[in-house]
């Protein structure tokens, strides 16, 4: 009877750990690259969904494989090609991301009016090797990163 109780407790604990958020930590592959600011917004996995570490005033910042989501956030600082464009309220969306055991791919688009959308970021993460590339606004060739997942420690 004690073994059954112990097995049940372990099973419940594993399920709880599996549902905890797993932060995707990415560091520039070239540590001397001063333009590599990191993947924005920072992605993480939670309950089988891809989520983004950004404050949403409306909408949902988590998305399932092949689905779509959008969220609204106030006062985003806009900087295009190193030139400040000021602050503005912005909608973001992710449409049909790929989330598998082998890779994570997604594009984030932004809009001021929810009618005209522009590409903000195009990210590919190889989950087997940790290699990632982020093509941020205006970049040619993208920035390479080495990523790993950090979750709750056992």
N, C-alpha and C. Protein backbone atom coordinates (compact mmCIF):
# COMPACT_ATOMS: atom_id res chain seq x y z
N UNK A 1 0.82 -1.18 0.00
CA UNK A 1 0.00 0.00 0.00
C UNK A 1 0.87 1.27 0.00
N UNK A 2 1.97 1.24 0.78
CA UNK A 2 2.86 2.40 0.83
C UNK A 2 3.47 2.66 -0.54
N UNK A 3 3.82 1.59 -1.28
CA UNK A 3 4.41 1.76 -2.62
C UNK A 3 3.43 2.40 -3.59
N UNK A 4 2.15 2.03 -3.50
CA UNK A 4 1.14 2.62 -4.37
C UNK A 4 0.99 4.11 -4.07
N UNK A 5 0.97 4.46 -2.78
CA UNK A 5 0.86 5.86 -2.39
C UNK A 5 2.07 6.66 -2.88
N UNK A 6 3.27 6.07 -2.73
CA UNK A 6 4.50 6.73 -3.18
C UNK A 6 4.47 6.92 -4.69
N UNK A 7 4.09 5.90 -5.45
CA UNK A 7 4.02 5.99 -6.91
C UNK A 7 3.02 7.06 -7.34
N UNK A 8 1.87 7.11 -6.67
CA UNK A 8 0.86 8.11 -6.98
C UNK A 8 1.39 9.52 -6.71
N UNK A 9 2.08 9.70 -5.59
CA UNK A 9 2.66 11.01 -5.24
C UNK A 9 3.70 11.44 -6.27
N UNK A 10 4.56 10.52 -6.70
CA UNK A 10 5.57 10.83 -7.71
C UNK A 10 4.90 11.21 -9.03
N UNK A 11 3.88 10.48 -9.44
CA UNK A 11 3.17 10.76 -10.68
C UNK A 11 2.55 12.16 -10.66
N UNK A 12 1.92 12.51 -9.56
CA UNK A 12 1.31 13.84 -9.42
C UNK A 12 2.40 14.92 -9.46
N UNK A 13 3.53 14.68 -8.82
CA UNK A 13 4.63 15.65 -8.80
C UNK A 13 5.19 15.86 -10.20
N UNK A 14 5.36 14.78 -10.95
CA UNK A 14 5.89 14.88 -12.32
C UNK A 14 4.93 15.68 -13.19
N UNK A 15 3.63 15.45 -13.07
CA UNK A 15 2.65 16.21 -13.84
C UNK A 15 2.70 17.69 -13.48
N UNK A 16 2.87 18.00 -12.22
CA UNK A 16 2.94 19.40 -11.80
C UNK A 16 4.18 20.07 -12.35
N UNK A 17 5.31 19.36 -12.34
CA UNK A 17 6.56 19.91 -12.87
C UNK A 17 6.44 20.10 -14.37
N UNK A 18 5.83 19.14 -15.07
CA UNK A 18 5.68 19.23 -16.52
C UNK A 18 4.82 20.41 -16.93
N UNK A 19 3.89 20.83 -16.09
CA UNK A 19 3.02 21.94 -16.44
C UNK A 19 3.63 23.29 -16.07
N UNK A 20 4.74 23.29 -15.35
CA UNK A 20 5.41 24.53 -14.98
C UNK A 20 6.02 25.19 -16.22
N UNK A 21 6.09 26.50 -16.24
CA UNK A 21 6.71 27.19 -17.38
C UNK A 21 8.18 26.81 -17.54
N UNK A 22 8.60 26.67 -18.79
CA UNK A 22 9.99 26.40 -19.13
C UNK A 22 10.52 27.58 -19.92
N UNK A 23 11.39 28.35 -19.31
CA UNK A 23 11.94 29.55 -19.95
C UNK A 23 12.97 29.14 -20.99
N UNK A 24 12.88 29.75 -22.17
CA UNK A 24 13.85 29.51 -23.23
C UNK A 24 14.91 30.60 -23.11
N UNK A 25 16.10 30.23 -22.69
CA UNK A 25 17.19 31.18 -22.48
C UNK A 25 18.11 31.13 -23.69
N UNK A 26 18.30 32.27 -24.33
CA UNK A 26 19.14 32.35 -25.53
C UNK A 26 20.23 33.39 -25.35
N UNK A 27 21.44 32.97 -25.61
CA UNK A 27 22.60 33.87 -25.53
C UNK A 27 23.19 34.01 -26.92
N UNK A 28 23.70 35.20 -27.27
CA UNK A 28 24.30 35.38 -28.60
C UNK A 28 25.42 34.37 -28.83
N UNK A 29 25.42 33.78 -30.03
CA UNK A 29 26.46 32.81 -30.35
C UNK A 29 27.82 33.50 -30.42
N UNK A 30 27.82 34.74 -30.88
CA UNK A 30 29.04 35.53 -30.93
C UNK A 30 28.99 36.51 -29.76
N UNK A 31 29.73 36.22 -28.69
CA UNK A 31 29.67 37.05 -27.49
C UNK A 31 30.19 38.47 -27.71
N UNK A 32 30.91 38.69 -28.79
CA UNK A 32 31.42 40.04 -29.07
C UNK A 32 30.44 40.86 -29.92
N UNK A 33 29.33 40.27 -30.34
CA UNK A 33 28.34 40.95 -31.16
C UNK A 33 27.54 41.92 -30.29
N UNK A 34 27.83 43.19 -30.38
CA UNK A 34 27.17 44.21 -29.56
C UNK A 34 25.72 44.47 -30.02
N UNK A 35 25.39 44.08 -31.26
CA UNK A 35 24.04 44.32 -31.76
C UNK A 35 23.07 43.21 -31.34
N UNK A 36 23.58 42.11 -30.80
CA UNK A 36 22.73 40.99 -30.38
C UNK A 36 22.09 41.34 -29.05
N UNK A 37 20.88 41.82 -29.09
CA UNK A 37 20.20 42.28 -27.88
C UNK A 37 19.38 41.18 -27.23
N UNK A 38 19.20 40.07 -27.88
CA UNK A 38 18.38 38.98 -27.35
C UNK A 38 17.09 38.86 -28.12
N UNK A 39 16.46 37.71 -28.00
CA UNK A 39 15.19 37.49 -28.66
C UNK A 39 14.11 38.21 -27.86
N UNK A 40 13.36 39.07 -28.56
CA UNK A 40 12.32 39.85 -27.91
C UNK A 40 10.98 39.61 -28.57
N UNK A 41 9.91 39.46 -27.82
CA UNK A 41 9.89 39.24 -26.38
C UNK A 41 10.39 37.84 -26.06
N UNK A 42 10.89 37.67 -24.85
CA UNK A 42 11.46 36.38 -24.44
C UNK A 42 10.39 35.29 -24.49
N UNK A 43 10.67 34.20 -25.21
CA UNK A 43 9.69 33.11 -25.27
C UNK A 43 9.84 32.14 -24.11
N UNK A 44 8.76 31.46 -23.78
CA UNK A 44 8.80 30.36 -22.83
C UNK A 44 7.69 29.37 -23.18
N UNK A 45 7.82 28.15 -22.68
CA UNK A 45 6.82 27.11 -22.92
C UNK A 45 6.02 26.90 -21.64
N UNK A 46 4.69 26.80 -21.78
CA UNK A 46 3.83 26.57 -20.63
C UNK A 46 2.63 25.74 -21.06
N UNK A 47 2.49 24.58 -20.45
CA UNK A 47 1.36 23.69 -20.72
C UNK A 47 1.20 23.40 -22.21
N UNK A 48 2.32 23.16 -22.89
CA UNK A 48 2.30 22.82 -24.31
C UNK A 48 2.11 24.00 -25.24
N UNK A 49 2.11 25.20 -24.69
CA UNK A 49 1.94 26.40 -25.52
C UNK A 49 3.21 27.23 -25.53
N UNK A 50 3.37 28.01 -26.59
CA UNK A 50 4.45 28.98 -26.69
C UNK A 50 3.92 30.30 -26.16
N UNK A 51 4.62 30.86 -25.19
CA UNK A 51 4.19 32.11 -24.56
C UNK A 51 5.32 33.13 -24.65
N UNK A 52 4.97 34.38 -24.40
CA UNK A 52 5.95 35.46 -24.48
C UNK A 52 5.90 36.30 -23.22
N UNK A 53 7.09 36.62 -22.72
CA UNK A 53 7.21 37.37 -21.48
C UNK A 53 7.03 38.85 -21.78
N UNK A 54 5.78 39.24 -21.88
CA UNK A 54 5.44 40.63 -22.16
C UNK A 54 4.13 40.94 -21.45
N UNK A 55 4.01 42.13 -20.94
CA UNK A 55 2.78 42.51 -20.25
C UNK A 55 1.70 42.79 -21.29
N UNK A 56 0.62 42.05 -21.22
CA UNK A 56 -0.50 42.23 -22.15
C UNK A 56 -1.63 42.95 -21.42
N UNK A 57 -2.09 44.05 -22.00
CA UNK A 57 -3.23 44.77 -21.44
C UNK A 57 -4.55 44.19 -21.94
N UNK A 58 -4.48 43.44 -23.04
CA UNK A 58 -5.65 42.74 -23.58
C UNK A 58 -5.13 41.60 -24.45
N UNK A 59 -5.94 40.58 -24.64
CA UNK A 59 -5.54 39.46 -25.48
C UNK A 59 -4.80 38.41 -24.69
N UNK A 60 -4.11 37.53 -25.42
CA UNK A 60 -3.42 36.40 -24.80
C UNK A 60 -2.04 36.26 -25.41
N UNK A 61 -1.02 36.25 -24.58
CA UNK A 61 0.36 36.15 -25.06
C UNK A 61 0.84 34.71 -25.21
N UNK A 62 -0.06 33.73 -25.14
CA UNK A 62 0.28 32.31 -25.33
C UNK A 62 -0.45 31.78 -26.56
N UNK A 63 0.21 30.86 -27.28
CA UNK A 63 -0.37 30.32 -28.50
C UNK A 63 -0.01 28.84 -28.64
N UNK A 64 -0.95 28.05 -29.15
CA UNK A 64 -0.73 26.63 -29.40
C UNK A 64 -0.17 26.43 -30.80
N UNK A 65 0.38 25.26 -31.05
CA UNK A 65 0.93 24.91 -32.35
C UNK A 65 -0.11 25.12 -33.45
N UNK A 66 0.27 25.88 -34.48
CA UNK A 66 -0.60 26.10 -35.63
C UNK A 66 -1.76 27.05 -35.40
N UNK A 67 -1.91 27.60 -34.22
CA UNK A 67 -3.03 28.49 -33.91
C UNK A 67 -2.58 29.94 -34.08
N UNK A 68 -3.36 30.85 -33.54
CA UNK A 68 -3.02 32.27 -33.60
C UNK A 68 -3.40 32.95 -32.30
N UNK A 69 -2.72 34.02 -32.01
CA UNK A 69 -3.06 34.83 -30.85
C UNK A 69 -2.67 36.27 -31.13
N UNK A 70 -3.25 37.17 -30.39
CA UNK A 70 -2.84 38.58 -30.46
C UNK A 70 -2.99 39.18 -29.07
N UNK A 71 -2.21 40.21 -28.82
CA UNK A 71 -2.30 40.90 -27.54
C UNK A 71 -1.98 42.37 -27.73
N UNK A 72 -2.49 43.17 -26.82
CA UNK A 72 -2.33 44.61 -26.86
C UNK A 72 -1.48 45.04 -25.68
N UNK A 73 -0.57 45.93 -25.94
CA UNK A 73 0.24 46.48 -24.85
C UNK A 73 0.41 47.98 -25.07
N UNK A 74 0.36 48.72 -23.99
CA UNK A 74 0.47 50.18 -24.06
C UNK A 74 1.92 50.63 -24.00
N UNK A 75 2.18 51.74 -24.64
CA UNK A 75 3.45 52.45 -24.55
C UNK A 75 4.68 51.61 -24.91
N UNK A 76 4.66 51.03 -26.08
CA UNK A 76 5.82 50.32 -26.59
C UNK A 76 6.79 51.35 -27.16
N UNK A 77 8.06 51.23 -26.79
CA UNK A 77 9.08 52.12 -27.34
C UNK A 77 9.48 51.58 -28.70
N UNK A 78 9.30 52.38 -29.73
CA UNK A 78 9.60 51.96 -31.09
C UNK A 78 10.94 52.54 -31.50
N UNK A 79 11.82 51.67 -32.00
CA UNK A 79 13.16 52.06 -32.44
C UNK A 79 13.42 51.33 -33.75
N UNK A 80 13.49 52.07 -34.86
CA UNK A 80 13.71 51.46 -36.16
C UNK A 80 15.06 51.91 -36.69
N UNK A 81 15.93 50.93 -36.98
CA UNK A 81 17.29 51.19 -37.47
C UNK A 81 18.04 52.18 -36.59
N UNK A 82 17.88 52.05 -35.28
CA UNK A 82 18.61 52.88 -34.34
C UNK A 82 18.04 54.26 -34.15
N UNK A 83 16.91 54.56 -34.79
CA UNK A 83 16.29 55.88 -34.66
C UNK A 83 15.02 55.77 -33.83
N UNK A 84 14.95 56.47 -32.69
CA UNK A 84 13.77 56.41 -31.85
C UNK A 84 12.55 56.98 -32.57
N UNK A 85 11.45 56.26 -32.50
CA UNK A 85 10.20 56.68 -33.13
C UNK A 85 9.16 57.10 -32.08
N UNK A 86 9.54 57.07 -30.81
CA UNK A 86 8.62 57.44 -29.74
C UNK A 86 7.90 56.23 -29.17
N UNK A 87 6.92 56.52 -28.33
CA UNK A 87 6.11 55.47 -27.70
C UNK A 87 4.74 55.44 -28.34
N UNK A 88 4.18 54.25 -28.37
CA UNK A 88 2.84 54.13 -28.91
C UNK A 88 2.20 52.84 -28.41
N UNK A 89 0.87 52.80 -28.46
CA UNK A 89 0.15 51.58 -28.12
C UNK A 89 0.22 50.64 -29.31
N UNK A 90 0.45 49.36 -29.06
CA UNK A 90 0.70 48.42 -30.16
C UNK A 90 0.00 47.10 -29.92
N UNK A 91 -0.54 46.55 -30.99
CA UNK A 91 -1.05 45.19 -31.01
C UNK A 91 0.05 44.29 -31.58
N UNK A 92 0.21 43.12 -31.01
CA UNK A 92 1.12 42.12 -31.55
C UNK A 92 0.33 40.86 -31.85
N UNK A 93 0.80 40.06 -32.79
CA UNK A 93 0.16 38.79 -33.07
C UNK A 93 1.18 37.76 -33.52
N UNK A 94 0.82 36.50 -33.28
CA UNK A 94 1.58 35.36 -33.75
C UNK A 94 0.57 34.49 -34.50
N UNK A 95 0.90 34.15 -35.75
CA UNK A 95 -0.01 33.37 -36.59
C UNK A 95 0.67 32.07 -36.99
N UNK A 96 0.04 30.95 -36.68
CA UNK A 96 0.48 29.60 -37.08
C UNK A 96 1.94 29.28 -36.74
N UNK A 97 2.32 29.37 -35.47
CA UNK A 97 3.69 28.97 -35.12
C UNK A 97 3.84 27.44 -35.22
N UNK A 98 5.08 27.00 -35.36
CA UNK A 98 5.39 25.58 -35.35
C UNK A 98 6.05 25.27 -34.02
N UNK A 99 5.44 24.36 -33.24
CA UNK A 99 5.97 23.97 -31.94
C UNK A 99 6.00 22.45 -31.92
N UNK A 100 7.19 21.88 -32.11
CA UNK A 100 7.34 20.42 -32.09
C UNK A 100 8.49 20.06 -31.16
N UNK A 101 8.76 18.76 -31.04
CA UNK A 101 9.89 18.30 -30.24
C UNK A 101 11.22 18.68 -30.89
N UNK A 102 11.20 18.97 -32.20
CA UNK A 102 12.43 19.26 -32.93
C UNK A 102 12.68 20.75 -33.13
N UNK A 103 11.61 21.55 -33.25
CA UNK A 103 11.83 22.97 -33.53
C UNK A 103 10.68 23.83 -33.03
N UNK A 104 11.00 25.10 -32.90
CA UNK A 104 10.02 26.14 -32.62
C UNK A 104 10.26 27.23 -33.66
N UNK A 105 9.23 27.57 -34.40
CA UNK A 105 9.33 28.64 -35.39
C UNK A 105 8.10 29.54 -35.23
N UNK A 106 8.34 30.84 -35.27
CA UNK A 106 7.22 31.78 -35.18
C UNK A 106 7.63 33.13 -35.72
N UNK A 107 6.62 33.89 -36.10
CA UNK A 107 6.79 35.28 -36.53
C UNK A 107 5.89 36.13 -35.66
N UNK A 108 6.44 37.24 -35.18
CA UNK A 108 5.64 38.20 -34.44
C UNK A 108 5.45 39.41 -35.34
N UNK A 109 4.20 39.83 -35.46
CA UNK A 109 3.88 41.01 -36.24
C UNK A 109 3.30 42.06 -35.32
N UNK A 110 3.44 43.32 -35.69
CA UNK A 110 2.92 44.42 -34.89
C UNK A 110 2.04 45.33 -35.70
N UNK A 111 1.09 46.00 -35.02
CA UNK A 111 0.17 46.91 -35.69
C UNK A 111 -0.29 47.99 -34.72
N UNK A 112 -0.51 49.17 -35.23
CA UNK A 112 -1.07 50.26 -34.42
C UNK A 112 -2.59 50.28 -34.54
N UNK A 113 -3.13 49.78 -35.67
CA UNK A 113 -4.56 49.89 -35.93
C UNK A 113 -5.27 48.55 -36.15
N UNK A 114 -4.56 47.44 -36.05
CA UNK A 114 -5.07 46.08 -36.27
C UNK A 114 -5.49 45.85 -37.73
N UNK A 115 -5.11 46.76 -38.63
CA UNK A 115 -5.41 46.60 -40.05
C UNK A 115 -4.14 46.35 -40.85
N UNK A 116 -3.12 47.13 -40.56
CA UNK A 116 -1.83 47.01 -41.25
C UNK A 116 -0.84 46.38 -40.28
N UNK A 117 -0.30 45.21 -40.66
CA UNK A 117 0.63 44.48 -39.80
C UNK A 117 2.00 44.47 -40.43
N UNK A 118 3.04 44.64 -39.62
CA UNK A 118 4.42 44.59 -40.09
C UNK A 118 5.21 43.58 -39.28
N UNK A 119 6.16 42.94 -39.94
CA UNK A 119 6.98 41.93 -39.27
C UNK A 119 7.87 42.59 -38.22
N UNK A 120 7.82 42.07 -37.01
CA UNK A 120 8.67 42.54 -35.91
C UNK A 120 9.83 41.57 -35.72
N UNK A 121 9.54 40.28 -35.71
CA UNK A 121 10.57 39.29 -35.43
C UNK A 121 10.20 37.96 -36.09
N UNK A 122 11.21 37.28 -36.60
CA UNK A 122 11.05 35.97 -37.23
C UNK A 122 12.08 35.06 -36.56
N UNK A 123 11.61 34.10 -35.75
CA UNK A 123 12.51 33.30 -34.92
C UNK A 123 12.40 31.82 -35.29
N UNK A 124 13.56 31.17 -35.35
CA UNK A 124 13.65 29.72 -35.54
C UNK A 124 14.57 29.18 -34.46
N UNK A 125 14.09 28.18 -33.70
CA UNK A 125 14.89 27.55 -32.64
C UNK A 125 14.91 26.05 -32.90
N UNK A 126 16.10 25.49 -33.06
CA UNK A 126 16.27 24.04 -33.20
C UNK A 126 16.34 23.47 -31.79
N UNK A 127 15.34 22.71 -31.39
CA UNK A 127 15.28 22.20 -30.02
C UNK A 127 16.27 21.08 -29.77
N UNK A 128 16.80 20.46 -30.82
CA UNK A 128 17.76 19.38 -30.64
C UNK A 128 19.18 19.91 -30.41
N UNK A 129 19.54 20.99 -31.12
CA UNK A 129 20.89 21.53 -31.00
C UNK A 129 20.96 22.82 -30.17
N UNK A 130 19.82 23.48 -30.02
CA UNK A 130 19.80 24.76 -29.31
C UNK A 130 20.13 25.94 -30.20
N UNK A 131 20.46 25.69 -31.46
CA UNK A 131 20.76 26.78 -32.39
C UNK A 131 19.50 27.57 -32.69
N UNK A 132 19.62 28.89 -32.71
CA UNK A 132 18.47 29.75 -33.01
C UNK A 132 18.92 30.93 -33.86
N UNK A 133 17.99 31.43 -34.64
CA UNK A 133 18.22 32.64 -35.43
C UNK A 133 17.01 33.53 -35.26
N UNK A 134 17.28 34.82 -35.02
CA UNK A 134 16.23 35.82 -34.88
C UNK A 134 16.48 36.90 -35.91
N UNK A 135 15.51 37.08 -36.81
CA UNK A 135 15.57 38.15 -37.78
C UNK A 135 14.70 39.27 -37.26
N UNK A 136 15.30 40.20 -36.53
CA UNK A 136 14.56 41.33 -35.98
C UNK A 136 14.36 42.36 -37.09
N UNK A 137 13.48 43.32 -36.88
CA UNK A 137 13.16 44.34 -37.88
C UNK A 137 14.43 44.86 -38.56
N UNK A 138 14.44 44.83 -39.89
CA UNK A 138 15.52 45.42 -40.65
C UNK A 138 16.82 44.63 -40.68
N UNK A 139 16.90 43.48 -40.07
CA UNK A 139 18.14 42.70 -40.08
C UNK A 139 18.22 41.85 -41.33
N UNK A 140 19.43 41.70 -41.83
CA UNK A 140 19.68 40.83 -42.97
C UNK A 140 20.56 39.70 -42.49
N UNK A 141 20.09 38.48 -42.61
CA UNK A 141 20.87 37.32 -42.16
C UNK A 141 20.55 36.90 -40.75
N UNK A 142 19.97 37.79 -39.96
CA UNK A 142 19.58 37.44 -38.60
C UNK A 142 20.74 37.36 -37.63
N UNK A 143 20.41 37.20 -36.37
CA UNK A 143 21.38 37.05 -35.30
C UNK A 143 21.29 35.63 -34.78
N UNK A 144 22.45 34.98 -34.64
CA UNK A 144 22.50 33.59 -34.17
C UNK A 144 22.60 33.54 -32.65
N UNK A 145 21.88 32.58 -32.07
CA UNK A 145 21.86 32.39 -30.63
C UNK A 145 22.05 30.92 -30.30
N UNK A 146 22.50 30.66 -29.10
CA UNK A 146 22.54 29.31 -28.53
C UNK A 146 21.54 29.30 -27.39
N UNK A 147 20.55 28.41 -27.46
CA UNK A 147 19.46 28.41 -26.50
C UNK A 147 19.40 27.11 -25.71
N UNK A 148 18.80 27.20 -24.55
CA UNK A 148 18.48 26.02 -23.76
C UNK A 148 17.23 26.35 -22.93
N UNK A 149 16.61 25.31 -22.44
CA UNK A 149 15.40 25.49 -21.64
C UNK A 149 15.73 25.35 -20.18
N UNK A 150 15.21 26.29 -19.40
CA UNK A 150 15.34 26.22 -17.95
C UNK A 150 13.95 26.11 -17.37
N UNK A 151 13.77 25.18 -16.52
CA UNK A 151 12.47 25.03 -15.88
C UNK A 151 12.66 24.98 -14.38
N UNK A 152 11.61 24.60 -13.71
CA UNK A 152 11.68 24.46 -12.27
C UNK A 152 12.66 23.35 -11.92
N UNK A 153 13.52 23.61 -10.98
CA UNK A 153 14.51 22.62 -10.57
C UNK A 153 13.88 21.59 -9.66
N UNK A 154 14.26 20.32 -9.86
CA UNK A 154 13.73 19.22 -9.04
C UNK A 154 14.58 19.08 -7.80
